[in-house]
Amino acid sequence: MGGKIVTERDVFEWAKEAEERGAGEILFTSMNNDGTKNGFANVALAKLSETVNIPIIASGGAGTMQHFAEAFINGKADAALAASVFHFHEIEIPELKQFLKQNNIAIRL
């Protein structure tokens, strides 16, 4: 059901357990933000980053280049991904990389 079934699990406790079981990184998609183009779930991302000691990949909600910067700065994400903004050429990857670099955010070349 794509994250729409309520469970008894706390996402942060579950992430910590995943790390303890050997997960090397966590891809965190906020179902509330996914597809909205209103930004990533930065409050939850930051808390997740403080909970585990493995890389966090932000997913769900990118609509602008500023959203990516906020995911790294406010959400403390180690990486971020998006789909439609790239597929529909709303954001071009070279321009995003330049924008992030100008905002002192490390990027892969």
PDB file of N, CA and C in Angstrom:
ATOM      1  N   MET A   1       0.819  -1.203   0.000  1.00  0.00           N
ATOM      2  CA  MET A   1       0.000   0.000   0.000  1.00  0.00           C
ATOM      3  C   MET A   1       0.860   1.263   0.000  1.00  0.00           C
ATOM      4  N   GLY A   2       2.132   1.145  -0.236  1.00  0.00           N
ATOM      5  CA  GLY A   2       2.963   2.332  -0.392  1.00  0.00           C
ATOM      6  C   GLY A   2       3.035   3.217   0.828  1.00  0.00           C
ATOM      7  N   GLY A   3       3.128   2.641   2.016  1.00  0.00           N
ATOM      8  CA  GLY A   3       3.279   3.439   3.228  1.00  0.00           C
ATOM      9  C   GLY A   3       1.985   3.998   3.778  1.00  0.00           C
ATOM     10  N   LYS A   4       0.856   3.504   3.331  1.00  0.00           N
ATOM     11  CA  LYS A   4      -0.426   4.061   3.770  1.00  0.00           C
ATOM     12  C   LYS A   4      -1.123   3.222   4.828  1.00  0.00           C
ATOM     13  N   ILE A   5      -0.493   2.123   5.227  1.00  0.00           N
ATOM     14  CA  ILE A   5      -1.063   1.287   6.283  1.00  0.00           C
ATOM     15  C   ILE A   5      -0.386   1.666   7.596  1.00  0.00           C
ATOM     16  N   VAL A   6      -1.168   2.092   8.556  1.00  0.00           N
ATOM     17  CA  VAL A   6      -0.641   2.488   9.862  1.00  0.00           C
ATOM     18  C   VAL A   6      -0.115   1.247  10.578  1.00  0.00           C
ATOM     19  N   THR A   7       1.073   1.389  11.163  1.00  0.00           N
ATOM     20  CA  THR A   7       1.660   0.293  11.935  1.00  0.00           C
ATOM     21  C   THR A   7       1.965   0.788  13.339  1.00  0.00           C
ATOM     22  N   GLU A   8       2.355  -0.124  14.166  1.00  0.00           N
ATOM     23  CA  GLU A   8       2.727   0.208  15.546  1.00  0.00           C
ATOM     24  C   GLU A   8       4.176   0.689  15.632  1.00  0.00           C
ATOM     25  N   ARG A   9       4.922   0.625  14.517  1.00  0.00           N
ATOM     26  CA  ARG A   9       6.354   0.942  14.526  1.00  0.00           C
ATOM     27  C   ARG A   9       6.599   2.438  14.504  1.00  0.00           C
ATOM     28  N   ASP A  10       7.539   2.864  15.320  1.00  0.00           N
ATOM     29  CA  ASP A  10       8.025   4.244  15.281  1.00  0.00           C
ATOM     30  C   ASP A  10       9.135   4.302  14.250  1.00  0.00           C
ATOM     31  N   VAL A  11       9.061   5.234  13.325  1.00  0.00           N
ATOM     32  CA  VAL A  11      10.015   5.290  12.219  1.00  0.00           C
ATOM     33  C   VAL A  11      11.457   5.436  12.710  1.00  0.00           C
ATOM     34  N   PHE A  12      11.665   6.182  13.775  1.00  0.00           N
ATOM     35  CA  PHE A  12      13.021   6.412  14.265  1.00  0.00           C
ATOM     36  C   PHE A  12      13.576   5.187  14.977  1.00  0.00           C
ATOM     37  N   GLU A  13      12.733   4.500  15.745  1.00  0.00           N
ATOM     38  CA  GLU A  13      13.159   3.248  16.372  1.00  0.00           C
ATOM     39  C   GLU A  13      13.428   2.185  15.311  1.00  0.00           C
ATOM     40  N   TRP A  14      12.585   2.162  14.287  1.00  0.00           N
ATOM     41  CA  TRP A  14      12.743   1.191  13.202  1.00  0.00           C
ATOM     42  C   TRP A  14      14.040   1.462  12.446  1.00  0.00           C
ATOM     43  N   ALA A  15      14.342   2.726  12.208  1.00  0.00           N
ATOM     44  CA  ALA A  15      15.591   3.088  11.525  1.00  0.00           C
ATOM     45  C   ALA A  15      16.798   2.658  12.349  1.00  0.00           C
ATOM     46  N   LYS A  16      16.726   2.873  13.652  1.00  0.00           N
ATOM     47  CA  LYS A  16      17.834   2.472  14.527  1.00  0.00           C
ATOM     48  C   LYS A  16      18.009   0.957  14.494  1.00  0.00           C
ATOM     49  N   GLU A  17      16.897   0.226  14.510  1.00  0.00           N
ATOM     50  CA  GLU A  17      16.979  -1.231  14.430  1.00  0.00           C
ATOM     51  C   GLU A  17      17.566  -1.661  13.084  1.00  0.00           C
ATOM     52  N   ALA A  18      17.169  -0.994  12.011  1.00  0.00           N
ATOM     53  CA  ALA A  18      17.723  -1.322  10.691  1.00  0.00           C
ATOM     54  C   ALA A  18      19.232  -1.125  10.679  1.00  0.00           C
ATOM     55  N   GLU A  19      19.685  -0.028  11.282  1.00  0.00           N
ATOM     56  CA  GLU A  19      21.125   0.223  11.377  1.00  0.00           C
ATOM     57  C   GLU A  19      21.809  -0.887  12.170  1.00  0.00           C
ATOM     58  N   GLU A  20      21.222  -1.263  13.309  1.00  0.00           N
ATOM     59  CA  GLU A  20      21.804  -2.309  14.152  1.00  0.00           C
ATOM     60  C   GLU A  20      21.850  -3.655  13.437  1.00  0.00           C
ATOM     61  N   ARG A  21      20.920  -3.871  12.504  1.00  0.00           N
ATOM     62  CA  ARG A  21      20.882  -5.126  11.748  1.00  0.00           C
ATOM     63  C   ARG A  21      21.790  -5.087  10.524  1.00  0.00           C
ATOM     64  N   GLY A  22      22.473  -3.957  10.311  1.00  0.00           N
ATOM     65  CA  GLY A  22      23.458  -3.894   9.240  1.00  0.00           C
ATOM     66  C   GLY A  22      23.131  -3.009   8.054  1.00  0.00           C
ATOM     67  N   ALA A  23      22.049  -2.252   8.105  1.00  0.00           N
ATOM     68  CA  ALA A  23      21.749  -1.350   6.992  1.00  0.00           C
ATOM     69  C   ALA A  23      22.895  -0.365   6.816  1.00  0.00           C
ATOM     70  N   GLY A  24      23.254  -0.117   5.581  1.00  0.00           N
ATOM     71  CA  GLY A  24      24.365   0.785   5.301  1.00  0.00           C
ATOM     72  C   GLY A  24      23.936   2.209   5.027  1.00  0.00           C
ATOM     73  N   GLU A  25      22.661   2.409   4.726  1.00  0.00           N
ATOM     74  CA  GLU A  25      22.092   3.737   4.510  1.00  0.00           C
ATOM     75  C   GLU A  25      20.578   3.597   4.548  1.00  0.00           C
ATOM     76  N   ILE A  26      19.906   4.730   4.662  1.00  0.00           N
ATOM     77  CA  ILE A  26      18.445   4.722   4.695  1.00  0.00           C
ATOM     78  C   ILE A  26      17.929   5.679   3.635  1.00  0.00           C
ATOM     79  N   LEU A  27      17.037   5.175   2.795  1.00  0.00           N
ATOM     80  CA  LEU A  27      16.323   6.007   1.832  1.00  0.00           C
ATOM     81  C   LEU A  27      15.005   6.391   2.492  1.00  0.00           C
ATOM     82  N   PHE A  28      14.884   7.669   2.848  1.00  0.00           N
ATOM     83  CA  PHE A  28      13.709   8.141   3.580  1.00  0.00           C
ATOM     84  C   PHE A  28      12.788   8.907   2.639  1.00  0.00           C
ATOM     85  N   THR A  29      11.627   8.331   2.365  1.00  0.00           N
ATOM     86  CA  THR A  29      10.614   8.984   1.541  1.00  0.00           C
ATOM     87  C   THR A  29       9.436   9.346   2.412  1.00  0.00           C
ATOM     88  N   SER A  30       9.121  10.617   2.474  1.00  0.00           N
ATOM     89  CA  SER A  30       7.936  11.057   3.202  1.00  0.00           C
ATOM     90  C   SER A  30       6.730  10.907   2.286  1.00  0.00           C
ATOM     91  N   MET A  31       5.813  10.042   2.655  1.00  0.00           N
ATOM     92  CA  MET A  31       4.612   9.840   1.838  1.00  0.00           C
ATOM     93  C   MET A  31       3.748  11.104   1.816  1.00  0.00           C
ATOM     94  N   ASN A  32       3.865  11.938   2.849  1.00  0.00           N
ATOM     95  CA  ASN A  32       3.094  13.181   2.880  1.00  0.00           C
ATOM     96  C   ASN A  32       3.665  14.231   1.940  1.00  0.00           C
ATOM     97  N   ASN A  33       4.951  14.146   1.657  1.00  0.00           N
ATOM     98  CA  ASN A  33       5.607  15.129   0.798  1.00  0.00           C
ATOM     99  C   ASN A  33       5.770  14.642  -0.635  1.00  0.00           C
ATOM    100  N   ASP A  34       5.799  13.349  -0.822  1.00  0.00           N
ATOM    101  CA  ASP A  34       6.096  12.777  -2.127  1.00  0.00           C
ATOM    102  C   ASP A  34       5.104  13.270  -3.179  1.00  0.00           C
ATOM    103  N   GLY A  35       5.645  13.802  -4.264  1.00  0.00           N
ATOM    104  CA  GLY A  35       4.820  14.269  -5.363  1.00  0.00           C
ATOM    105  C   GLY A  35       4.251  15.671  -5.203  1.00  0.00           C
ATOM    106  N   THR A  36       4.499  16.302  -4.073  1.00  0.00           N
ATOM    107  CA  THR A  36       3.906  17.620  -3.823  1.00  0.00           C
ATOM    108  C   THR A  36       4.708  18.765  -4.411  1.00  0.00           C
ATOM    109  N   LYS A  37       6.010  18.563  -4.571  1.00  0.00           N
ATOM    110  CA  LYS A  37       6.938  19.612  -5.004  1.00  0.00           C
ATOM    111  C   LYS A  37       6.957  20.789  -4.027  1.00  0.00           C
ATOM    112  N   ASN A  38       6.654  20.503  -2.765  1.00  0.00           N
ATOM    113  CA  ASN A  38       6.653  21.520  -1.711  1.00  0.00           C
ATOM    114  C   ASN A  38       7.858  21.412  -0.785  1.00  0.00           C
ATOM    115  N   GLY A  39       8.800  20.529  -1.093  1.00  0.00           N
ATOM    116  CA  GLY A  39       9.988  20.369  -0.271  1.00  0.00           C
ATOM    117  C   GLY A  39      10.015  19.037   0.453  1.00  0.00           C
ATOM    118  N   PHE A  40      11.206  18.695   0.896  1.00  0.00           N
ATOM    119  CA  PHE A  40      11.418  17.453   1.628  1.00  0.00           C
ATOM    120  C   PHE A  40      10.932  17.598   3.078  1.00  0.00           C
ATOM    121  N   ALA A  41      10.768  16.492   3.774  1.00  0.00           N
ATOM    122  CA  ALA A  41      10.336  16.472   5.177  1.00  0.00           C
ATOM    123  C   ALA A  41      11.552  16.729   6.067  1.00  0.00           C
ATOM    124  N   ASN A  42      12.010  17.959   6.109  1.00  0.00           N
ATOM    125  CA  ASN A  42      13.286  18.286   6.745  1.00  0.00           C
ATOM    126  C   ASN A  42      13.310  18.084   8.257  1.00  0.00           C
ATOM    127  N   VAL A  43      12.215  18.293   8.929  1.00  0.00           N
ATOM    128  CA  VAL A  43      12.187  18.082  10.384  1.00  0.00           C
ATOM    129  C   VAL A  43      12.418  16.600  10.678  1.00  0.00           C
ATOM    130  N   ALA A  44      11.714  15.739   9.974  1.00  0.00           N
ATOM    131  CA  ALA A  44      11.888  14.294  10.168  1.00  0.00           C
ATOM    132  C   ALA A  44      13.274  13.848   9.716  1.00  0.00           C
ATOM    133  N   LEU A  45      13.761  14.405   8.613  1.00  0.00           N
ATOM    134  CA  LEU A  45      15.107  14.058   8.140  1.00  0.00           C
ATOM    135  C   LEU A  45      16.158  14.398   9.189  1.00  0.00           C
ATOM    136  N   ALA A  46      16.057  15.591   9.775  1.00  0.00           N
ATOM    137  CA  ALA A  46      17.033  16.007  10.787  1.00  0.00           C
ATOM    138  C   ALA A  46      16.986  15.083  12.001  1.00  0.00           C
ATOM    139  N   LYS A  47      15.789  14.730  12.426  1.00  0.00           N
ATOM    140  CA  LYS A  47      15.668  13.831  13.579  1.00  0.00           C
ATOM    141  C   LYS A  47      16.241  12.457  13.248  1.00  0.00           C
ATOM    142  N   LEU A  48      15.981  11.989  12.035  1.00  0.00           N
ATOM    143  CA  LEU A  48      16.520  10.700  11.609  1.00  0.00           C
ATOM    144  C   LEU A  48      18.038  10.745  11.576  1.00  0.00           C
ATOM    145  N   SER A  49      18.588  11.836  11.086  1.00  0.00           N
ATOM    146  CA  SER A  49      20.040  12.003  11.025  1.00  0.00           C
ATOM    147  C   SER A  49      20.662  11.980  12.417  1.00  0.00           C
ATOM    148  N   GLU A  50      19.951  12.480  13.397  1.00  0.00           N
ATOM    149  CA  GLU A  50      20.431  12.472  14.777  1.00  0.00           C
ATOM    150  C   GLU A  50      20.248  11.107  15.439  1.00  0.00           C
ATOM    151  N   THR A  51      19.362  10.285  14.878  1.00  0.00           N
ATOM    152  CA  THR A  51      19.043   8.982  15.465  1.00  0.00           C
ATOM    153  C   THR A  51      20.015   7.897  15.039  1.00  0.00           C
ATOM    154  N   VAL A  52      20.444   7.944  13.782  1.00  0.00           N
ATOM    155  CA  VAL A  52      21.313   6.888  13.249  1.00  0.00           C
ATOM    156  C   VAL A  52      22.665   7.457  12.822  1.00  0.00           C
ATOM    157  N   ASN A  53      23.616   6.577  12.640  1.00  0.00           N
ATOM    158  CA  ASN A  53      24.973   6.965  12.243  1.00  0.00           C
ATOM    159  C   ASN A  53      25.324   6.440  10.856  1.00  0.00           C
ATOM    160  N   ILE A  54      24.322   6.310  10.002  1.00  0.00           N
ATOM    161  CA  ILE A  54      24.521   5.890   8.620  1.00  0.00           C
ATOM    162  C   ILE A  54      23.933   6.965   7.716  1.00  0.00           C
ATOM    163  N   PRO A  55      24.355   7.010   6.460  1.00  0.00           N
ATOM    164  CA  PRO A  55      23.858   8.043   5.556  1.00  0.00           C
ATOM    165  C   PRO A  55      22.345   7.987   5.353  1.00  0.00           C
ATOM    166  N   ILE A  56      21.754   9.174   5.212  1.00  0.00           N
ATOM    167  CA  ILE A  56      20.327   9.326   4.961  1.00  0.00           C
ATOM    168  C   ILE A  56      20.146   9.958   3.588  1.00  0.00           C
ATOM    169  N   ILE A  57      19.301   9.341   2.762  1.00  0.00           N
ATOM    170  CA  ILE A  57      18.968   9.878   1.450  1.00  0.00           C
ATOM    171  C   ILE A  57      17.551  10.440   1.524  1.00  0.00           C
ATOM    172  N   ALA A  58      17.409  11.733   1.235  1.00  0.00           N
ATOM    173  CA  ALA A  58      16.099  12.384   1.242  1.00  0.00           C
ATOM    174  C   ALA A  58      15.371  12.074  -0.057  1.00  0.00           C
ATOM    175  N   SER A  59      14.088  11.779   0.051  1.00  0.00           N
ATOM    176  CA  SER A  59      13.266  11.495  -1.120  1.00  0.00           C
ATOM    177  C   SER A  59      11.858  11.999  -0.859  1.00  0.00           C
ATOM    178  N   GLY A  60      11.236  12.527  -1.895  1.00  0.00           N
ATOM    179  CA  GLY A  60       9.836  12.912  -1.796  1.00  0.00           C
ATOM    180  C   GLY A  60       9.626  14.379  -1.486  1.00  0.00           C
ATOM    181  N   GLY A  61       9.257  15.158  -2.503  1.00  0.00           N
ATOM    182  CA  GLY A  61       8.867  16.536  -2.270  1.00  0.00           C
ATOM    183  C   GLY A  61       9.642  17.594  -3.019  1.00  0.00           C
ATOM    184  N   ALA A  62      10.703  17.226  -3.719  1.00  0.00           N
ATOM    185  CA  ALA A  62      11.523  18.232  -4.401  1.00  0.00           C
ATOM    186  C   ALA A  62      10.725  18.941  -5.491  1.00  0.00           C
ATOM    187  N   GLY A  63      10.812  20.271  -5.461  1.00  0.00           N
ATOM    188  CA  GLY A  63      10.162  21.064  -6.494  1.00  0.00           C
ATOM    189  C   GLY A  63      11.036  22.192  -6.992  1.00  0.00           C
ATOM    190  N   THR A  64      12.021  22.579  -6.172  1.00  0.00           N
ATOM    191  CA  THR A  64      12.933  23.665  -6.538  1.00  0.00           C
ATOM    192  C   THR A  64      14.348  23.292  -6.129  1.00  0.00           C
ATOM    193  N   MET A  65      15.295  24.043  -6.660  1.00  0.00           N
ATOM    194  CA  MET A  65      16.685  23.812  -6.258  1.00  0.00           C
ATOM    195  C   MET A  65      16.863  24.143  -4.780  1.00  0.00           C
ATOM    196  N   GLN A  66      16.146  25.132  -4.291  1.00  0.00           N
ATOM    197  CA  GLN A  66      16.234  25.498  -2.876  1.00  0.00           C
ATOM    198  C   GLN A  66      15.802  24.339  -1.985  1.00  0.00           C
ATOM    199  N   HIS A  67      14.850  23.544  -2.428  1.00  0.00           N
ATOM    200  CA  HIS A  67      14.418  22.375  -1.640  1.00  0.00           C
ATOM    201  C   HIS A  67      15.571  21.411  -1.401  1.00  0.00           C
ATOM    202  N   PHE A  68      16.419  21.240  -2.412  1.00  0.00           N
ATOM    203  CA  PHE A  68      17.581  20.365  -2.245  1.00  0.00           C
ATOM    204  C   PHE A  68      18.529  20.952  -1.205  1.00  0.00           C
ATOM    205  N   ALA A  69      18.813  22.243  -1.318  1.00  0.00           N
ATOM    206  CA  ALA A  69      19.706  22.891  -0.349  1.00  0.00           C
ATOM    207  C   ALA A  69      19.154  22.744   1.066  1.00  0.00           C
ATOM    208  N   GLU A  70      17.863  22.932   1.230  1.00  0.00           N
ATOM    209  CA  GLU A  70      17.240  22.817   2.547  1.00  0.00           C
ATOM    210  C   GLU A  70      17.332  21.394   3.093  1.00  0.00           C
ATOM    211  N   ALA A  71      17.243  20.401   2.210  1.00  0.00           N
ATOM    212  CA  ALA A  71      17.367  19.004   2.660  1.00  0.00           C
ATOM    213  C   ALA A  71      18.750  18.747   3.239  1.00  0.00           C
ATOM    214  N   PHE A  72      19.773  19.358   2.640  1.00  0.00           N
ATOM    215  CA  PHE A  72      21.133  19.182   3.140  1.00  0.00           C
ATOM    216  C   PHE A  72      21.400  20.036   4.375  1.00  0.00           C
ATOM    217  N   ILE A  73      20.936  21.266   4.359  1.00  0.00           N
ATOM    218  CA  ILE A  73      21.231  22.187   5.464  1.00  0.00           C
ATOM    219  C   ILE A  73      20.317  21.936   6.661  1.00  0.00           C
ATOM    220  N   ASN A  74      19.014  21.989   6.449  1.00  0.00           N
ATOM    221  CA  ASN A  74      18.053  21.843   7.552  1.00  0.00           C
ATOM    222  C   ASN A  74      17.757  20.383   7.873  1.00  0.00           C
ATOM    223  N   GLY A  75      17.643  19.560   6.839  1.00  0.00           N
ATOM    224  CA  GLY A  75      17.319  18.152   7.033  1.00  0.00           C
ATOM    225  C   GLY A  75      18.517  17.284   7.334  1.00  0.00           C
ATOM    226  N   LYS A  76      19.711  17.828   7.169  1.00  0.00           N
ATOM    227  CA  LYS A  76      20.952  17.113   7.448  1.00  0.00           C
ATOM    228  C   LYS A  76      21.085  15.829   6.632  1.00  0.00           C
ATOM    229  N   ALA A  77      20.478  15.808   5.443  1.00  0.00           N
ATOM    230  CA  ALA A  77      20.574  14.638   4.571  1.00  0.00           C
ATOM    231  C   ALA A  77      21.980  14.529   3.992  1.00  0.00           C
ATOM    232  N   ASP A  78      22.381  13.314   3.708  1.00  0.00           N
ATOM    233  CA  ASP A  78      23.672  13.060   3.083  1.00  0.00           C
ATOM    234  C   ASP A  78      23.550  13.058   1.564  1.00  0.00           C
ATOM    235  N   ALA A  79      22.348  12.793   1.078  1.00  0.00           N
ATOM    236  CA  ALA A  79      22.066  12.779  -0.352  1.00  0.00           C
ATOM    237  C   ALA A  79      20.580  13.089  -0.521  1.00  0.00           C
ATOM    238  N   ALA A  80      20.201  13.433  -1.740  1.00  0.00           N
ATOM    239  CA  ALA A  80      18.788  13.696  -2.027  1.00  0.00           C
ATOM    240  C   ALA A  80      18.491  13.228  -3.438  1.00  0.00           C
ATOM    241  N   LEU A  81      17.268  12.778  -3.636  1.00  0.00           N
ATOM    242  CA  LEU A  81      16.881  12.333  -4.966  1.00  0.00           C
ATOM    243  C   LEU A  81      15.539  12.925  -5.343  1.00  0.00           C
ATOM    244  N   ALA A  82      15.280  12.890  -6.614  1.00  0.00           N
ATOM    245  CA  ALA A  82      14.008  13.360  -7.154  1.00  0.00           C
ATOM    246  C   ALA A  82      13.782  12.670  -8.483  1.00  0.00           C
ATOM    247  N   ALA A  83      12.582  12.765  -8.993  1.00  0.00           N
ATOM    248  CA  ALA A  83      12.285  12.141 -10.279  1.00  0.00           C
ATOM    249  C   ALA A  83      11.665  13.148 -11.238  1.00  0.00           C
ATOM    250  N   SER A  84      10.422  13.534 -10.987  1.00  0.00           N
ATOM    251  CA  SER A  84       9.684  14.309 -11.985  1.00  0.00           C
ATOM    252  C   SER A  84      10.337  15.638 -12.343  1.00  0.00           C
ATOM    253  N   VAL A  85      10.956  16.321 -11.381  1.00  0.00           N
ATOM    254  CA  VAL A  85      11.587  17.609 -11.710  1.00  0.00           C
ATOM    255  C   VAL A  85      12.737  17.437 -12.699  1.00  0.00           C
ATOM    256  N   PHE A  86      13.331  16.258 -12.727  1.00  0.00           N
ATOM    257  CA  PHE A  86      14.383  15.971 -13.700  1.00  0.00           C
ATOM    258  C   PHE A  86      13.781  15.438 -15.008  1.00  0.00           C
ATOM    259  N   HIS A  87      12.822  14.534 -14.891  1.00  0.00           N
ATOM    260  CA  HIS A  87      12.211  13.948 -16.092  1.00  0.00           C
ATOM    261  C   HIS A  87      11.539  15.002 -16.970  1.00  0.00           C
ATOM    262  N   PHE A  88      10.897  15.972 -16.331  1.00  0.00           N
ATOM    263  CA  PHE A  88      10.178  17.014 -17.068  1.00  0.00           C
ATOM    264  C   PHE A  88      11.013  18.275 -17.258  1.00  0.00           C
ATOM    265  N   HIS A  89      12.303  18.178 -16.974  1.00  0.00           N
ATOM    266  CA  HIS A  89      13.267  19.264 -17.182  1.00  0.00           C
ATOM    267  C   HIS A  89      12.884  20.554 -16.459  1.00  0.00           C
ATOM    268  N   GLU A  90      12.256  20.416 -15.306  1.00  0.00           N
ATOM    269  CA  GLU A  90      11.958  21.586 -14.475  1.00  0.00           C
ATOM    270  C   GLU A  90      13.226  22.050 -13.759  1.00  0.00           C
ATOM    271  N   ILE A  91      14.098  21.093 -13.476  1.00  0.00           N
ATOM    272  CA  ILE A  91      15.417  21.369 -12.909  1.00  0.00           C
ATOM    273  C   ILE A  91      16.420  20.561 -13.735  1.00  0.00           C
ATOM    274  N   GLU A  92      17.449  21.215 -14.194  1.00  0.00           N
ATOM    275  CA  GLU A  92      18.508  20.523 -14.923  1.00  0.00           C
ATOM    276  C   GLU A  92      19.620  20.181 -13.932  1.00  0.00           C
ATOM    277  N   ILE A  93      20.110  18.970 -13.996  1.00  0.00           N
ATOM    278  CA  ILE A  93      21.103  18.493 -13.034  1.00  0.00           C
ATOM    279  C   ILE A  93      22.357  19.364 -12.997  1.00  0.00           C
ATOM    280  N   PRO A  94      22.935  19.759 -14.130  1.00  0.00           N
ATOM    281  CA  PRO A  94      24.129  20.621 -14.050  1.00  0.00           C
ATOM    282  C   PRO A  94      23.860  21.950 -13.320  1.00  0.00           C
ATOM    283  N   GLU A  95      22.691  22.527 -13.548  1.00  0.00           N
ATOM    284  CA  GLU A  95      22.347  23.778 -12.861  1.00  0.00           C
ATOM    285  C   GLU A  95      22.146  23.552 -11.361  1.00  0.00           C
ATOM    286  N   LEU A  96      21.540  22.417 -11.000  1.00  0.00           N
ATOM    287  CA  LEU A  96      21.357  22.095  -9.587  1.00  0.00           C
ATOM    288  C   LEU A  96      22.706  21.924  -8.906  1.00  0.00           C
ATOM    289  N   LYS A  97      23.617  21.217  -9.561  1.00  0.00           N
ATOM    290  CA  LYS A  97      24.943  21.026  -8.975  1.00  0.00           C
ATOM    291  C   LYS A  97      25.646  22.368  -8.778  1.00  0.00           C
ATOM    292  N   GLN A  98      25.540  23.246  -9.742  1.00  0.00           N
ATOM    293  CA  GLN A  98      26.159  24.564  -9.635  1.00  0.00           C
ATOM    294  C   GLN A  98      25.531  25.358  -8.487  1.00  0.00           C
ATOM    295  N   PHE A  99      24.212  25.308  -8.373  1.00  0.00           N
ATOM    296  CA  PHE A  99      23.492  26.000  -7.303  1.00  0.00           C
ATOM    297  C   PHE A  99      23.952  25.499  -5.933  1.00  0.00           C
ATOM    298  N   LEU A 100      24.029  24.183  -5.781  1.00  0.00           N
ATOM    299  CA  LEU A 100      24.450  23.609  -4.502  1.00  0.00           C
ATOM    300  C   LEU A 100      25.895  23.991  -4.186  1.00  0.00           C
ATOM    301  N   LYS A 101      26.737  23.915  -5.180  1.00  0.00           N
ATOM    302  CA  LYS A 101      28.139  24.286  -4.998  1.00  0.00           C
ATOM    303  C   LYS A 101      28.256  25.749  -4.561  1.00  0.00           C
ATOM    304  N   GLN A 102      27.477  26.638  -5.169  1.00  0.00           N
ATOM    305  CA  GLN A 102      27.478  28.056  -4.807  1.00  0.00           C
ATOM    306  C   GLN A 102      26.990  28.283  -3.377  1.00  0.00           C
ATOM    307  N   ASN A 103      26.223  27.331  -2.864  1.00  0.00           N
ATOM    308  CA  ASN A 103      25.709  27.404  -1.496  1.00  0.00           C
ATOM    309  C   ASN A 103      26.539  26.570  -0.533  1.00  0.00           C
ATOM    310  N   ASN A 104      27.789  26.282  -0.951  1.00  0.00           N
ATOM    311  CA  ASN A 104      28.753  25.557  -0.105  1.00  0.00           C
ATOM    312  C   ASN A 104      28.285  24.170   0.321  1.00  0.00           C
ATOM    313  N   ILE A 105      27.570  23.509  -0.568  1.00  0.00           N
ATOM    314  CA  ILE A 105      27.138  22.142  -0.319  1.00  0.00           C
ATOM    315  C   ILE A 105      27.963  21.240  -1.233  1.00  0.00           C
ATOM    316  N   ALA A 106      28.633  20.270  -0.623  1.00  0.00           N
ATOM    317  CA  ALA A 106      29.505  19.373  -1.379  1.00  0.00           C
ATOM    318  C   ALA A 106      28.684  18.548  -2.369  1.00  0.00           C
ATOM    319  N   ILE A 107      29.207  18.421  -3.570  1.00  0.00           N
ATOM    320  CA  ILE A 107      28.545  17.654  -4.621  1.00  0.00           C
ATOM    321  C   ILE A 107      29.536  16.707  -5.263  1.00  0.00           C
ATOM    322  N   ARG A 108      29.014  15.704  -5.931  1.00  0.00           N
ATOM    323  CA  ARG A 108      29.850  14.836  -6.763  1.00  0.00           C
ATOM    324  C   ARG A 108      29.977  15.514  -8.115  1.00  0.00           C
ATOM    325  N   LEU A 109      31.161  15.470  -8.655  1.00  0.00           N
ATOM    326  CA  LEU A 109      31.369  16.097  -9.967  1.00  0.00           C
ATOM    327  C   LEU A 109      31.050  15.195 -11.082  1.00  0.00           C
TER     328      LEU A 109
END
